[in-house]
Amino acid sequence: MGAHHPRHAEPEAKRMRRIALAVIAPIAVVTLAAMIWLWPSDGVDVPDQPGSAEQFTGEILAVDTEECPEQLADEVNGCGTATVLVTEGADQDEEIAVPLPNGPGAPTVAEGDDMVLIETTSPDGKAFAIVDHQRSTGLWVLMAAFALALIAFGRWRGLTAMAGLAVTFALLLLFVVPAILAGEPPLLVAIVGSCAIMLTVLYLTHGFTLSTTVAVLGTLTSLTLTGLLSAVAVGALHLTGVVDDLSASVGVSQGVNTEGLLLAGIVIGSLGVLDDVTVTQAATVTELARANPSYGWGQLYRAGSRVGRSHIASVVNTIILAYAGSSLPLLILIVANNESLGAVVTDQIIAQEIVRSVVATLGLIAAVPLTTGLAALAFRKDT
């Protein structure tokens, strides 16, 4: 009797794989066709901005300070100049004198620091300014440590995760951003780009298995629901997507639909957490089915849902804290300038973050029963 189930389960598993492939293949074809349709044919023409400046790097050789003619409220480095050795560009290997940077956010300079400078040209001649620290070396070291730790711990899985991360960045930088700049609808671009990322990264990272296919279907369904909910919420609350100088500049100088950009950000931001939940649920039900071959759909669904509820409780807190952390400076300013809690909550900046958090959470909540139900259907005992 014990040998009967494996012989019966194998044809059932093959049948479910064929069904999953029949569903995934059209989705992949539609995603590819949509990417080709939305892909900017002639690249992105970024208009020249008036007053644009050339950027280059240099090394601080010496810092010469002097007494300021008047007290500066936002003083950072004091008054004086820095002698900088230019390390790239047309003026490479030349030594130039640059005023010490001051003001909110100005970098603190010291001898030996590698800095980013800009050069502007005016009727009076060339002018140089220090704008930031040069961080490429430190970032490369940090990324190398990240890659080594991931591969050392995850081994082959860690390597595929690195490949998946590379694919994600490539699709964002080569398709999503250029397509939005080219004038395509940001929400449509975000959904198509997210589908491409999901299909590529999940299969690359977790292998072409029935469990991964279930996770892909659960993610796709929940992502579509997230997009619809975000569109309804943003429209109903009359959110424009313009909450600071940066978003206003993107809308004015690049002609991007800022409301659509807000929707695109919600969809793309939700994808990473969604695939975490769906992969976990699919894997959980898979292991439950292997450990308990006699379980039917209802038993697998109930057991998987119990795990999903615990997972959701922790992930929701993660989402709220992530959005709150990224908006903390703005939150401090708004709270400091408003006495009423109602005025703080209904301010567009805070309302926008609330919409991000709530819509992402609703998508996650929907992902658990959807993915668990699909996985239970795929791995149930055929009764």
Protein backbone atom coordinates (compact mmCIF):
# COMPACT_ATOMS: atom_id res chain seq x y z
CA MET A 1 0.00 0.00 0.00
CA GLY A 2 2.91 2.37 0.86
CA ALA A 3 4.35 2.08 -2.66
CA HIS A 4 1.06 3.00 -4.33
CA HIS A 5 1.13 6.74 -3.63
CA PRO A 6 4.52 7.60 -5.25
CA ARG A 7 3.52 5.87 -8.50
CA HIS A 8 0.23 7.78 -8.45
CA ALA A 9 1.79 11.12 -7.39
CA GLU A 10 4.34 11.22 -10.22
CA PRO A 11 1.80 11.42 -13.07
CA GLU A 12 -0.18 13.93 -10.99
CA ALA A 13 2.94 16.10 -10.54
CA LYS A 14 3.72 15.91 -14.26
CA ARG A 15 0.16 16.91 -15.08
CA MET A 16 0.37 19.91 -12.73
CA ARG A 17 3.70 20.93 -14.29
CA ARG A 18 2.15 20.85 -17.74
CA ILE A 19 -0.76 22.98 -16.53
CA ALA A 20 1.63 25.45 -14.86
CA LEU A 21 3.75 25.68 -18.02
CA ALA A 22 0.63 26.26 -20.10
CA VAL A 23 -0.22 29.21 -17.85
CA ILE A 24 3.29 30.68 -17.49
CA ALA A 25 4.30 30.46 -21.16
CA PRO A 26 1.59 32.89 -22.41
CA ILE A 27 2.40 35.28 -19.55
CA ALA A 28 6.07 35.25 -20.54
CA VAL A 29 5.20 35.83 -24.21
CA VAL A 30 2.86 38.73 -23.36
CA THR A 31 5.49 40.28 -21.06
CA LEU A 32 8.16 40.04 -23.76
CA ALA A 33 5.81 41.52 -26.38
CA ALA A 34 4.90 44.38 -24.02
CA MET A 35 8.58 45.11 -23.35
CA ILE A 36 9.31 45.25 -27.08
CA TRP A 37 6.32 47.56 -27.60
CA LEU A 38 7.30 49.89 -24.75
CA TRP A 39 11.06 49.82 -25.37
CA PRO A 40 12.36 53.28 -26.42
CA SER A 41 13.33 52.79 -30.07
CA ASP A 42 15.78 55.68 -30.34
CA GLY A 43 17.01 55.82 -26.79
CA VAL A 44 16.27 58.69 -24.46
CA ASP A 45 17.13 62.24 -25.46
CA VAL A 46 17.83 64.16 -22.28
CA PRO A 47 17.64 67.89 -23.02
CA ASP A 48 20.62 70.01 -22.14
CA GLN A 49 19.94 71.88 -18.95
CA PRO A 50 20.92 75.55 -18.85
CA GLY A 51 23.82 76.19 -16.49
CA SER A 52 24.90 72.54 -16.51
CA ALA A 53 28.38 71.93 -15.12
CA GLU A 54 31.13 69.43 -15.85
CA GLN A 55 31.82 66.99 -13.04
CA PHE A 56 35.18 65.44 -12.21
CA THR A 57 37.18 64.08 -9.26
CA GLY A 58 40.17 65.37 -7.34
CA GLU A 59 42.29 64.82 -4.22
CA ILE A 60 42.63 67.39 -1.44
CA LEU A 61 46.33 68.27 -1.11
CA ALA A 62 46.00 71.02 1.48
CA VAL A 63 43.36 73.01 3.36
CA ASP A 64 44.04 76.67 4.05
CA THR A 65 41.58 78.25 6.47
CA GLU A 66 41.19 81.91 7.27
CA GLU A 67 39.03 84.05 9.49
CA CYS A 68 35.56 84.53 8.12
CA PRO A 69 34.49 88.10 7.38
CA GLU A 70 31.20 87.42 9.14
CA GLN A 71 29.67 84.62 11.21
CA LEU A 72 28.06 81.91 9.07
CA ALA A 73 25.02 80.23 10.66
CA ASP A 74 25.50 77.12 8.52
CA GLU A 75 29.30 77.03 8.63
CA VAL A 76 30.79 73.57 7.99
CA ASN A 77 34.43 73.97 6.96
CA GLY A 78 34.99 77.61 7.78
CA CYS A 79 36.38 80.10 5.29
CA GLY A 80 39.36 79.60 3.05
CA THR A 81 40.42 77.40 0.14
CA ALA A 82 41.45 73.86 -0.56
CA THR A 83 44.26 72.94 -2.94
CA VAL A 84 42.97 70.11 -5.11
CA LEU A 85 44.87 67.83 -7.49
CA VAL A 86 42.55 67.05 -10.42
CA THR A 87 42.57 63.29 -11.10
CA GLU A 88 40.43 63.15 -14.24
CA GLY A 89 39.11 65.25 -17.11
CA ALA A 90 40.73 67.88 -19.29
CA ASP A 91 42.56 69.44 -16.33
CA GLN A 92 43.99 66.14 -15.03
CA ASP A 93 47.15 66.45 -12.88
CA GLU A 94 46.63 70.20 -12.43
CA GLU A 95 46.44 71.79 -8.99
CA ILE A 96 43.56 74.21 -8.46
CA ALA A 97 42.37 76.35 -5.57
CA VAL A 98 38.73 75.75 -4.62
CA PRO A 99 36.65 77.58 -1.98
CA LEU A 100 35.82 75.47 1.06
CA PRO A 101 32.21 74.21 0.84
CA ASN A 102 29.67 75.43 3.39
CA GLY A 103 25.94 75.19 3.93
CA PRO A 104 23.49 72.44 4.91
CA GLY A 105 24.70 69.09 3.63
CA ALA A 106 28.11 70.40 2.57
CA PRO A 107 30.87 67.74 2.80
CA THR A 108 33.52 68.09 5.48
CA VAL A 109 36.91 68.17 3.78
CA ALA A 110 40.36 67.18 5.01
CA GLU A 111 43.77 66.65 3.48
CA GLY A 112 43.93 63.40 1.51
CA ASP A 113 40.16 63.16 0.84
CA ASP A 114 38.97 62.22 -2.64
CA MET A 115 36.26 64.66 -3.69
CA VAL A 116 33.78 65.29 -6.49
CA LEU A 117 34.04 68.75 -8.04
CA ILE A 118 32.13 70.70 -10.67
CA GLU A 119 33.45 73.23 -13.14
CA THR A 120 31.27 76.03 -14.48
CA THR A 121 32.13 78.51 -17.20
CA SER A 122 31.03 82.13 -17.13
CA PRO A 123 32.13 85.37 -18.81
CA ASP A 124 34.49 85.85 -15.85
CA GLY A 125 36.19 82.52 -16.53
CA LYS A 126 36.14 79.09 -14.95
CA ALA A 127 34.84 78.48 -11.44
CA PHE A 128 35.29 75.33 -9.37
CA ALA A 129 33.33 73.98 -6.42
CA ILE A 130 33.53 70.92 -4.17
CA VAL A 131 30.15 69.17 -4.06
CA ASP A 132 30.63 65.75 -2.48
CA HIS A 133 32.97 62.98 -1.39
CA GLN A 134 34.10 60.47 -4.02
CA ARG A 135 32.72 57.15 -2.77
CA SER A 136 33.27 54.71 -5.64
CA THR A 137 36.20 52.90 -3.99
CA GLY A 138 34.36 52.41 -0.71
CA LEU A 139 31.19 51.28 -2.48
CA TRP A 140 33.12 48.71 -4.54
CA VAL A 141 34.68 47.33 -1.35
CA LEU A 142 31.24 47.16 0.30
CA MET A 143 29.71 45.42 -2.74
CA ALA A 144 32.59 42.93 -2.86
CA ALA A 145 32.06 42.09 0.82
CA PHE A 146 28.34 41.69 0.18
CA ALA A 147 28.93 39.36 -2.77
CA LEU A 148 31.51 37.25 -0.92
CA ALA A 149 29.28 36.86 2.15
CA LEU A 150 26.27 35.94 0.02
CA ILE A 151 28.16 33.37 -2.05
CA ALA A 152 30.02 31.95 0.99
CA PHE A 153 26.76 31.36 2.84
CA GLY A 154 24.39 30.60 -0.04
CA ARG A 155 26.93 28.90 -2.34
CA TRP A 156 25.13 28.12 -5.61
CA ARG A 157 21.95 29.81 -4.40
CA GLY A 158 23.98 32.85 -3.43
CA LEU A 159 25.52 32.98 -6.90
CA THR A 160 22.12 32.77 -8.58
CA ALA A 161 20.84 35.46 -6.20
CA MET A 162 23.67 37.74 -7.35
CA ALA A 163 22.75 37.01 -10.97
CA GLY A 164 19.12 37.81 -10.16
CA LEU A 165 20.16 41.11 -8.58
CA ALA A 166 22.12 41.99 -11.72
CA VAL A 167 19.06 41.23 -13.87
CA THR A 168 16.88 43.43 -11.65
CA PHE A 169 19.21 46.41 -11.95
CA ALA A 170 19.62 45.86 -15.69
CA LEU A 171 15.86 45.84 -16.30
CA LEU A 172 15.32 48.91 -14.11
CA LEU A 173 18.11 50.93 -15.72
CA LEU A 174 17.77 49.73 -19.31
CA PHE A 175 13.99 49.39 -19.61
CA VAL A 176 11.89 50.86 -16.80
CA VAL A 177 13.62 54.23 -16.39
CA PRO A 178 14.26 54.89 -20.14
CA ALA A 179 10.67 53.91 -21.02
CA ILE A 180 9.26 56.33 -18.42
CA LEU A 181 11.58 59.08 -19.65
CA ALA A 182 10.42 58.37 -23.20
CA GLY A 183 6.85 59.22 -22.17
CA GLU A 184 5.32 55.76 -21.73
CA PRO A 185 2.69 55.35 -18.94
CA PRO A 186 4.72 54.80 -15.74
CA LEU A 187 2.24 52.35 -14.17
CA LEU A 188 2.13 50.16 -17.30
CA VAL A 189 5.92 50.24 -17.57
CA ALA A 190 6.26 49.31 -13.88
CA ILE A 191 3.89 46.34 -14.19
CA VAL A 192 5.58 45.03 -17.34
CA GLY A 193 9.04 45.57 -15.85
CA SER A 194 8.03 43.90 -12.60
CA CYS A 195 6.67 40.89 -14.49
CA ALA A 196 9.94 40.59 -16.41
CA ILE A 197 11.96 40.85 -13.19
CA MET A 198 9.71 38.34 -11.43
CA LEU A 199 9.79 35.75 -14.23
CA THR A 200 13.54 36.00 -14.67
CA VAL A 201 14.72 36.32 -11.09
CA LEU A 202 12.43 33.79 -9.41
CA TYR A 203 13.24 31.01 -11.88
CA LEU A 204 16.93 31.94 -11.94
CA THR A 205 17.15 31.97 -8.15
CA HIS A 206 14.86 29.07 -7.20
CA GLY A 207 14.97 26.88 -10.30
CA PHE A 208 12.29 25.87 -12.79
CA THR A 209 10.12 23.88 -10.39
CA LEU A 210 6.40 23.59 -9.75
CA SER A 211 6.87 25.39 -6.42
CA THR A 212 8.51 28.36 -8.15
CA THR A 213 5.75 28.45 -10.77
CA VAL A 214 3.14 28.63 -8.02
CA ALA A 215 5.07 31.50 -6.42
CA VAL A 216 5.22 33.30 -9.79
CA LEU A 217 1.45 32.98 -10.27
CA GLY A 218 0.76 34.17 -6.73
CA THR A 219 3.11 37.12 -7.15
CA LEU A 220 1.64 38.10 -10.52
CA THR A 221 -1.93 38.04 -9.23
CA SER A 222 -1.08 39.98 -6.08
CA LEU A 223 1.01 42.49 -8.03
CA THR A 224 -1.87 43.17 -10.41
CA LEU A 225 -4.19 43.67 -7.44
CA THR A 226 -1.62 46.03 -5.86
CA GLY A 227 -1.50 48.10 -9.05
CA LEU A 228 -5.29 48.38 -9.21
CA LEU A 229 -5.61 49.28 -5.52
CA SER A 230 -2.86 51.89 -5.78
CA ALA A 231 -4.56 53.51 -8.80
CA VAL A 232 -7.87 53.66 -6.94
CA ALA A 233 -6.30 55.03 -3.74
CA VAL A 234 -4.14 57.66 -5.46
CA GLY A 235 -7.10 58.84 -7.55
CA ALA A 236 -9.55 58.92 -4.64
CA LEU A 237 -7.16 60.86 -2.38
CA HIS A 238 -6.10 63.24 -5.19
CA LEU A 239 -2.40 62.56 -4.72
CA THR A 240 -0.22 64.25 -7.34
CA GLY A 241 3.11 62.59 -6.59
CA VAL A 242 4.73 66.03 -6.19
CA VAL A 243 5.84 66.32 -2.58
CA ASP A 244 9.33 67.88 -2.81
CA ASP A 245 11.71 69.72 -5.14
CA LEU A 246 13.04 66.46 -6.59
CA SER A 247 9.67 65.10 -7.71
CA ALA A 248 8.67 68.54 -8.99
CA SER A 249 11.89 68.78 -10.99
CA VAL A 250 11.35 65.36 -12.56
CA GLY A 251 7.83 66.36 -13.59
CA VAL A 252 8.83 69.75 -15.02
CA SER A 253 12.23 69.13 -16.58
CA GLN A 254 11.61 65.60 -17.90
CA GLY A 255 7.88 65.81 -18.55
CA VAL A 256 7.17 62.69 -16.47
CA ASN A 257 3.65 62.09 -15.14
CA THR A 258 4.35 62.33 -11.41
CA GLU A 259 1.09 60.65 -10.42
CA GLY A 260 1.97 57.70 -12.65
CA LEU A 261 5.49 57.74 -11.23
CA LEU A 262 4.03 57.42 -7.73
CA LEU A 263 1.98 54.40 -8.85
CA ALA A 264 5.03 52.86 -10.51
CA GLY A 265 7.03 53.29 -7.31
CA ILE A 266 4.36 51.54 -5.27
CA VAL A 267 4.25 48.56 -7.65
CA ILE A 268 8.01 48.15 -7.91
CA GLY A 269 8.46 48.66 -4.18
CA SER A 270 5.87 45.98 -3.43
CA LEU A 271 7.46 43.38 -5.71
CA GLY A 272 10.40 42.55 -3.46
CA VAL A 273 8.25 41.84 -0.42
CA LEU A 274 5.60 40.02 -2.47
CA ASP A 275 8.00 37.48 -3.95
CA ASP A 276 9.44 36.86 -0.47
CA VAL A 277 5.97 35.98 0.83
CA THR A 278 4.89 33.92 -2.18
CA VAL A 279 8.12 31.92 -2.37
CA THR A 280 7.89 31.19 1.36
CA GLN A 281 4.27 30.07 1.11
CA ALA A 282 4.89 27.86 -1.92
CA ALA A 283 7.94 26.27 -0.28
CA THR A 284 6.05 25.76 3.00
CA VAL A 285 3.17 23.92 1.32
CA THR A 286 5.65 21.87 -0.74
CA GLU A 287 7.44 20.69 2.39
CA LEU A 288 4.14 20.01 4.17
CA ALA A 289 3.02 17.84 1.26
CA ARG A 290 6.29 15.92 1.29
CA ALA A 291 6.16 15.41 5.06
CA ASN A 292 2.47 14.45 4.99
CA PRO A 293 1.71 12.73 1.64
CA SER A 294 -1.83 11.94 2.78
CA TYR A 295 -2.82 15.60 3.16
CA GLY A 296 -5.56 16.87 0.88
CA TRP A 297 -6.16 20.43 -0.28
CA GLY A 298 -7.93 21.60 2.88
CA GLN A 299 -5.28 20.28 5.24
CA LEU A 300 -2.42 21.78 3.23
CA TYR A 301 -4.22 25.11 2.91
CA ARG A 302 -4.97 25.39 6.62
CA ALA A 303 -1.45 24.40 7.67
CA GLY A 304 0.15 26.75 5.12
CA SER A 305 -2.14 29.62 6.10
CA ARG A 306 -1.06 29.35 9.73
CA VAL A 307 2.55 29.88 8.65
CA GLY A 308 1.46 32.70 6.31
CA ARG A 309 -0.35 34.60 9.05
CA SER A 310 2.78 34.61 11.21
CA HIS A 311 4.88 35.73 8.26
CA ILE A 312 2.51 38.55 7.33
CA ALA A 313 2.48 39.89 10.89
CA SER A 314 6.25 40.45 10.79
CA VAL A 315 6.46 41.60 7.15
CA VAL A 316 3.79 44.28 7.62
CA ASN A 317 5.80 45.82 10.44
CA THR A 318 8.86 45.73 8.18
CA ILE A 319 7.02 47.63 5.44
CA ILE A 320 5.73 50.34 7.79
CA LEU A 321 9.14 50.87 9.39
CA ALA A 322 10.88 50.95 6.00
CA TYR A 323 8.59 53.67 4.66
CA ALA A 324 8.70 55.60 7.93
CA GLY A 325 12.49 55.43 8.01
CA SER A 326 12.87 56.69 4.45
CA SER A 327 10.52 59.63 5.18
CA LEU A 328 11.78 60.46 8.67
CA PRO A 329 13.28 63.91 7.84
CA LEU A 330 10.06 64.98 6.13
CA LEU A 331 8.00 63.55 8.98
CA ILE A 332 10.00 65.57 11.50
CA LEU A 333 9.45 68.80 9.56
CA ILE A 334 5.72 68.22 9.16
CA VAL A 335 5.19 67.36 12.82
CA ALA A 336 7.27 70.38 13.88
CA ASN A 337 5.18 72.75 11.74
CA ASN A 338 1.71 71.42 12.56
CA GLU A 339 0.00 71.23 15.90
CA SER A 340 -2.92 69.06 14.85
CA LEU A 341 -2.43 65.31 14.41
CA GLY A 342 -5.16 65.38 11.76
CA ALA A 343 -3.25 67.99 9.76
CA VAL A 344 -0.09 65.86 9.94
CA VAL A 345 -1.79 62.66 8.78
CA THR A 346 -3.68 64.29 5.92
CA ASP A 347 -0.66 66.18 4.58
CA GLN A 348 0.10 64.89 1.06
CA ILE A 349 3.59 63.68 1.98
CA ILE A 350 2.33 61.55 4.86
CA ALA A 351 -0.82 60.50 2.99
CA GLN A 352 1.37 59.28 0.15
CA GLU A 353 3.43 57.11 2.51
CA ILE A 354 0.26 55.79 4.15
CA VAL A 355 -1.07 54.79 0.73
CA ARG A 356 2.23 53.04 -0.06
CA SER A 357 2.11 51.10 3.20
CA VAL A 358 -1.58 50.21 3.14
CA VAL A 359 -1.69 49.18 -0.53
CA ALA A 360 1.47 47.09 -0.18
CA THR A 361 0.03 45.44 2.92
CA LEU A 362 -3.26 44.62 1.19
CA GLY A 363 -1.31 43.07 -1.67
CA LEU A 364 0.65 40.96 0.81
CA ILE A 365 -2.48 39.86 2.64
CA ALA A 366 -4.01 38.78 -0.68
CA ALA A 367 -0.80 36.97 -1.68
CA VAL A 368 -0.94 34.53 1.25
CA PRO A 369 -4.30 32.83 0.56
CA LEU A 370 -3.80 33.02 -3.22
CA THR A 371 -0.37 31.39 -3.19
CA THR A 372 -1.26 28.94 -0.43
CA GLY A 373 -4.41 27.86 -2.28
CA LEU A 374 -2.53 27.38 -5.57
CA ALA A 375 0.26 25.45 -3.85
CA ALA A 376 -2.21 23.24 -1.97
CA LEU A 377 -3.98 22.53 -5.26
CA ALA A 378 -0.70 21.64 -6.96
CA PHE A 379 0.66 19.39 -4.21
CA ARG A 380 -2.49 17.88 -2.72
CA LYS A 381 -3.20 14.19 -2.58
CA ASP A 382 -5.60 13.35 -5.41
CA THR A 383 -8.67 12.02 -3.66
